[in-house]
């Protein structure tokens, strides 16, 4: 009995090693799981469910093959794939979760989320997030020609990269107060999230009670998987087959 969690793959045609690792994971590991949870930022940027590229089609195919095999797959939008929607779910059989969802993990209540909403010290990012997640703005964006959307996204990504160079890593990390607020509100003692690219299992106390926060890793230099059984939770890595020397993405990007 195994449930798998992944996030922050940032899949892109320019990162073939990551894509190859993901496909191997889907075909040889996820297919044997009780369930797969993708906690956001599967893509470097998802421009829309109507993406006609061979790359996008290949990723949709992997999810369809997985769900057709009987493995339930759940997807939670991140800050790079917040435009992923109902059409993707229809095409793949994936279930889209709310941005903050409590799940049953072998009898234990666990809250799952991408993690960006926990970075409350990064007020500028949260303002940007609130803006781009407005339904009316997404409605307009999704009706622009695909090549126009690509141009807009490329410009936004360039601006974000420049801005992040000037930010401290502490500002882009989660705030402990936000973690505690969410866990108390949801009535859980375990949280699983991604976004920060700082894989770890954190334990802390609130009063006399023990709490656990599990942070998923990114897939820039190796695959990162949280493997959960009824007995334990373990962060594991999956090696890439090829060298990453030809990659062009910045490993510090969130």
Protein backbone atom coordinates (compact mmCIF):
# COMPACT_ATOMS: atom_id res chain seq x y z
CA UNK A 1 0.00 0.00 0.00
CA UNK A 2 1.62 3.23 -1.21
CA UNK A 3 0.45 6.76 -1.90
CA UNK A 4 2.79 9.06 -3.83
CA UNK A 5 3.16 12.84 -3.75
CA UNK A 6 5.13 14.99 -6.21
CA UNK A 7 5.38 18.70 -7.00
CA UNK A 8 7.57 21.31 -8.68
CA UNK A 9 8.61 19.25 -11.68
CA UNK A 10 8.49 22.36 -13.89
CA UNK A 11 8.15 20.16 -16.96
CA UNK A 12 9.24 21.87 -20.16
CA UNK A 13 10.40 20.83 -23.64
CA UNK A 14 13.74 22.44 -22.73
CA UNK A 15 14.22 19.99 -19.83
CA UNK A 16 14.14 16.55 -21.47
CA UNK A 17 15.87 14.80 -18.56
CA UNK A 18 13.10 15.86 -16.20
CA UNK A 19 10.44 14.73 -18.64
CA UNK A 20 12.15 11.35 -19.12
CA UNK A 21 12.35 10.85 -15.35
CA UNK A 22 8.68 11.78 -14.99
CA UNK A 23 7.57 9.34 -17.70
CA UNK A 24 9.60 6.54 -16.13
CA UNK A 25 8.06 7.36 -12.75
CA UNK A 26 4.53 7.32 -14.16
CA UNK A 27 4.92 4.05 -16.07
CA UNK A 28 6.95 2.01 -13.59
CA UNK A 29 6.09 3.40 -10.15
CA UNK A 30 2.89 5.46 -10.05
CA UNK A 31 1.02 2.72 -11.88
CA UNK A 32 1.45 0.49 -8.81
CA UNK A 33 0.35 3.10 -6.24
CA UNK A 34 -2.92 3.46 -4.37
CA UNK A 35 -3.04 7.08 -5.53
CA UNK A 36 -0.90 9.89 -6.93
CA UNK A 37 -1.10 13.50 -5.73
CA UNK A 38 0.49 16.29 -7.79
CA UNK A 39 0.77 19.38 -5.58
CA UNK A 40 1.30 22.03 -8.22
CA UNK A 41 3.93 23.35 -10.62
CA UNK A 42 3.90 20.22 -12.72
CA UNK A 43 4.78 22.50 -15.64
CA UNK A 44 7.24 25.34 -16.01
CA UNK A 45 4.15 27.23 -17.11
CA UNK A 46 0.81 25.89 -18.31
CA UNK A 47 -0.59 28.37 -20.81
CA UNK A 48 -3.94 26.67 -21.25
CA UNK A 49 -5.74 23.35 -21.61
CA UNK A 50 -5.87 23.92 -25.36
CA UNK A 51 -2.07 23.68 -25.71
CA UNK A 52 -1.70 21.84 -29.03
CA UNK A 53 2.00 21.00 -28.73
CA UNK A 54 3.33 17.45 -28.90
CA UNK A 55 4.90 18.02 -25.49
CA UNK A 56 1.61 18.90 -23.81
CA UNK A 57 -0.11 16.00 -25.53
CA UNK A 58 2.56 13.59 -24.29
CA UNK A 59 2.05 14.67 -20.67
CA UNK A 60 -1.73 14.39 -20.98
CA UNK A 61 -1.21 10.89 -22.39
CA UNK A 62 0.81 9.78 -19.36
CA UNK A 63 -1.93 10.86 -16.96
CA UNK A 64 -4.63 9.24 -19.08
CA UNK A 65 -2.70 5.98 -19.13
CA UNK A 66 -2.32 6.13 -15.34
CA UNK A 67 -5.98 6.81 -14.58
CA UNK A 68 -7.08 4.22 -17.17
CA UNK A 69 -5.04 1.66 -15.23
CA UNK A 70 -7.22 2.34 -12.19
CA UNK A 71 -4.88 4.61 -10.18
CA UNK A 72 -6.69 7.74 -8.97
CA UNK A 73 -4.72 10.91 -9.60
CA UNK A 74 -5.34 14.23 -7.86
CA UNK A 75 -4.00 17.58 -9.00
CA UNK A 76 -3.65 20.80 -7.04
CA UNK A 77 -2.76 23.96 -8.98
CA UNK A 78 0.52 25.73 -8.26
CA UNK A 79 1.73 29.20 -9.17
CA UNK A 80 2.96 27.93 -12.57
CA UNK A 81 -0.11 25.91 -13.61
CA UNK A 82 -3.03 27.84 -12.14
CA UNK A 83 -4.58 27.87 -15.64
CA UNK A 84 -4.89 24.09 -15.68
CA UNK A 85 -8.60 23.36 -15.57
CA UNK A 86 -11.60 21.22 -16.36
CA UNK A 87 -10.60 20.33 -19.92
CA UNK A 88 -7.28 18.88 -18.77
CA UNK A 89 -9.15 16.85 -16.17
CA UNK A 90 -11.63 15.56 -18.76
CA UNK A 91 -8.80 14.62 -21.11
CA UNK A 92 -6.77 12.81 -18.46
CA UNK A 93 -9.15 11.53 -15.79
CA UNK A 94 -7.34 13.59 -13.15
CA UNK A 95 -9.35 15.07 -10.26
CA UNK A 96 -8.70 18.76 -9.57
CA UNK A 97 -8.54 19.64 -5.88
CA UNK A 98 -9.20 22.93 -4.14
CA UNK A 99 -6.06 24.96 -3.43
CA UNK A 100 -6.16 23.77 0.21
CA UNK A 101 -7.65 20.33 0.75
CA UNK A 102 -7.84 17.89 3.65
CA UNK A 103 -7.37 14.28 2.56
CA UNK A 104 -7.53 10.93 4.30
CA UNK A 105 -4.09 9.32 4.22
CA UNK A 106 -4.48 5.81 5.60
CA UNK A 107 -6.79 6.98 8.37
CA UNK A 108 -4.92 10.22 9.10
CA UNK A 109 -6.27 13.67 8.21
CA UNK A 110 -3.67 15.60 6.22
CA UNK A 111 -3.90 19.05 4.64
CA UNK A 112 -2.29 19.36 1.21
CA UNK A 113 -1.55 22.58 -0.67
CA UNK A 114 1.01 23.94 -3.10
CA UNK A 115 2.63 26.10 -0.43
CA UNK A 116 2.82 29.55 -1.99
CA UNK A 117 -0.02 30.86 0.16
CA UNK A 118 2.10 30.10 3.22
CA UNK A 119 4.77 32.59 2.10
CA UNK A 120 3.03 35.48 3.82
CA UNK A 121 6.19 37.59 4.13
CA UNK A 122 6.31 37.89 0.32
CA UNK A 123 3.51 40.43 0.10
CA UNK A 124 4.37 41.47 -3.45
CA UNK A 125 4.00 37.91 -4.71
CA UNK A 126 0.70 37.42 -2.85
CA UNK A 127 -0.67 40.57 -4.50
CA UNK A 128 0.38 39.20 -7.92
CA UNK A 129 -1.19 35.85 -7.08
CA UNK A 130 -4.49 37.44 -6.11
CA UNK A 131 -4.55 39.36 -9.38
CA UNK A 132 -3.84 36.47 -11.78
CA UNK A 133 -6.31 34.19 -10.02
CA UNK A 134 -9.26 36.46 -10.68
CA UNK A 135 -11.80 34.42 -12.71
CA UNK A 136 -12.66 37.29 -15.07
CA UNK A 137 -9.01 37.86 -15.95
CA UNK A 138 -8.42 34.17 -16.60
CA UNK A 139 -11.57 34.07 -18.75
CA UNK A 140 -10.19 36.85 -20.95
CA UNK A 141 -6.68 35.37 -21.07
CA UNK A 142 -7.96 31.93 -22.10
CA UNK A 143 -9.75 33.44 -25.06
CA UNK A 144 -6.69 35.12 -26.53
CA UNK A 145 -4.91 33.37 -29.43
CA UNK A 146 -2.49 30.76 -28.14
CA UNK A 147 0.61 32.49 -29.59
CA UNK A 148 -0.45 35.75 -27.88
CA UNK A 149 -0.68 33.96 -24.55
CA UNK A 150 2.77 32.50 -25.10
CA UNK A 151 4.22 35.96 -25.68
CA UNK A 152 2.56 37.35 -22.54
CA UNK A 153 3.75 34.43 -20.39
CA UNK A 154 7.33 34.72 -21.65
CA UNK A 155 7.35 38.40 -20.70
CA UNK A 156 5.90 37.71 -17.23
CA UNK A 157 8.39 34.92 -16.56
CA UNK A 158 11.30 37.16 -17.50
CA UNK A 159 10.08 39.86 -15.13
CA UNK A 160 9.62 37.35 -12.30
CA UNK A 161 13.14 35.96 -12.69
CA UNK A 162 14.65 39.43 -12.49
CA UNK A 163 12.58 40.25 -9.41
CA UNK A 164 13.53 37.04 -7.59
CA UNK A 165 17.23 37.83 -7.85
CA UNK A 166 16.58 40.76 -5.54
CA UNK A 167 14.55 38.77 -2.96
CA UNK A 168 16.00 36.99 0.04
CA UNK A 169 15.35 33.25 0.33
CA UNK A 170 13.77 33.81 3.74
CA UNK A 171 11.06 36.02 2.23
CA UNK A 172 10.24 33.31 -0.30
CA UNK A 173 10.01 30.60 2.38
CA UNK A 174 6.87 29.76 4.34
CA UNK A 175 6.02 31.59 7.54
CA UNK A 176 5.65 29.31 10.56
CA UNK A 177 2.71 31.37 11.78
CA UNK A 178 0.87 30.70 8.50
CA UNK A 179 1.59 26.97 8.80
CA UNK A 180 0.19 26.88 12.32
CA UNK A 181 -2.88 28.90 11.36
CA UNK A 182 -3.78 26.53 8.50
CA UNK A 183 -3.21 23.37 10.52
CA UNK A 184 -5.27 24.61 13.44
CA UNK A 185 -8.08 25.79 11.16
CA UNK A 186 -8.22 22.45 9.34
CA UNK A 187 -7.89 20.41 12.55
CA UNK A 188 -4.92 18.38 11.29
CA UNK A 189 -1.51 17.39 12.64
CA UNK A 190 0.15 16.85 9.26
CA UNK A 191 0.70 19.12 6.25
CA UNK A 192 2.23 18.29 2.86
CA UNK A 193 3.25 21.01 0.40
CA UNK A 194 5.81 21.98 -2.23
CA UNK A 195 6.75 25.35 -3.79
CA UNK A 196 9.83 26.24 -1.72
CA UNK A 197 12.12 23.56 -3.23
CA UNK A 198 13.42 22.77 0.28
CA UNK A 199 12.56 19.09 0.81
CA UNK A 200 12.40 18.17 4.47
CA UNK A 201 10.22 16.70 7.20
CA UNK A 202 9.70 19.26 9.95
CA UNK A 203 8.36 18.34 13.38
CA UNK A 204 7.20 20.89 15.92
CA UNK A 205 5.02 21.21 18.98
CA UNK A 206 2.05 23.43 19.71
CA UNK A 207 1.44 23.08 23.40
CA UNK A 208 1.69 19.38 24.13
CA UNK A 209 0.69 18.23 20.63
CA UNK A 210 3.07 17.06 17.89
CA UNK A 211 2.76 18.37 14.33
CA UNK A 212 4.50 17.41 11.09
CA UNK A 213 5.09 19.49 7.93
CA UNK A 214 6.48 17.67 4.91
CA UNK A 215 8.02 19.74 2.10
CA UNK A 216 8.34 18.13 -1.32
CA UNK A 217 11.45 18.64 -3.45
CA UNK A 218 11.81 19.99 -6.98
CA UNK A 219 12.86 18.03 -10.07
CA UNK A 220 15.65 20.25 -11.41
CA UNK A 221 18.57 17.84 -10.88
CA UNK A 222 16.75 14.69 -9.79
CA UNK A 223 13.25 13.41 -9.23
CA UNK A 224 11.73 13.91 -5.78
CA UNK A 225 8.93 11.73 -4.44
CA UNK A 226 7.17 11.47 -1.09
CA UNK A 227 6.33 7.81 -0.54
CA UNK A 228 3.63 7.22 2.06
CA UNK A 229 2.54 3.89 3.52
CA UNK A 230 0.21 3.26 6.48
CA UNK A 231 3.32 3.08 8.66
CA UNK A 232 5.55 5.96 7.53
CA UNK A 233 6.32 8.85 5.17
CA UNK A 234 9.66 8.99 3.35
CA UNK A 235 11.15 11.57 0.98
CA UNK A 236 13.01 9.79 -1.81
CA UNK A 237 14.96 10.83 -4.92
CA UNK A 238 14.90 9.43 -8.45
CA UNK A 239 18.10 9.85 -10.45
CA UNK A 240 18.08 11.31 -13.95
CA UNK A 241 19.49 9.12 -16.67
CA UNK A 242 21.21 11.93 -18.60
CA UNK A 243 23.43 14.80 -17.50
CA UNK A 244 21.75 18.12 -16.74
CA UNK A 245 24.53 20.08 -18.47
CA UNK A 246 22.31 21.17 -21.36
CA UNK A 247 19.48 22.48 -19.16
CA UNK A 248 18.67 26.17 -19.42
CA UNK A 249 16.28 26.73 -16.49
CA UNK A 250 17.35 28.39 -13.24
CA UNK A 251 17.24 25.94 -10.29
CA UNK A 252 16.36 28.77 -7.91
CA UNK A 253 13.08 29.56 -9.67
CA UNK A 254 9.95 29.06 -7.61
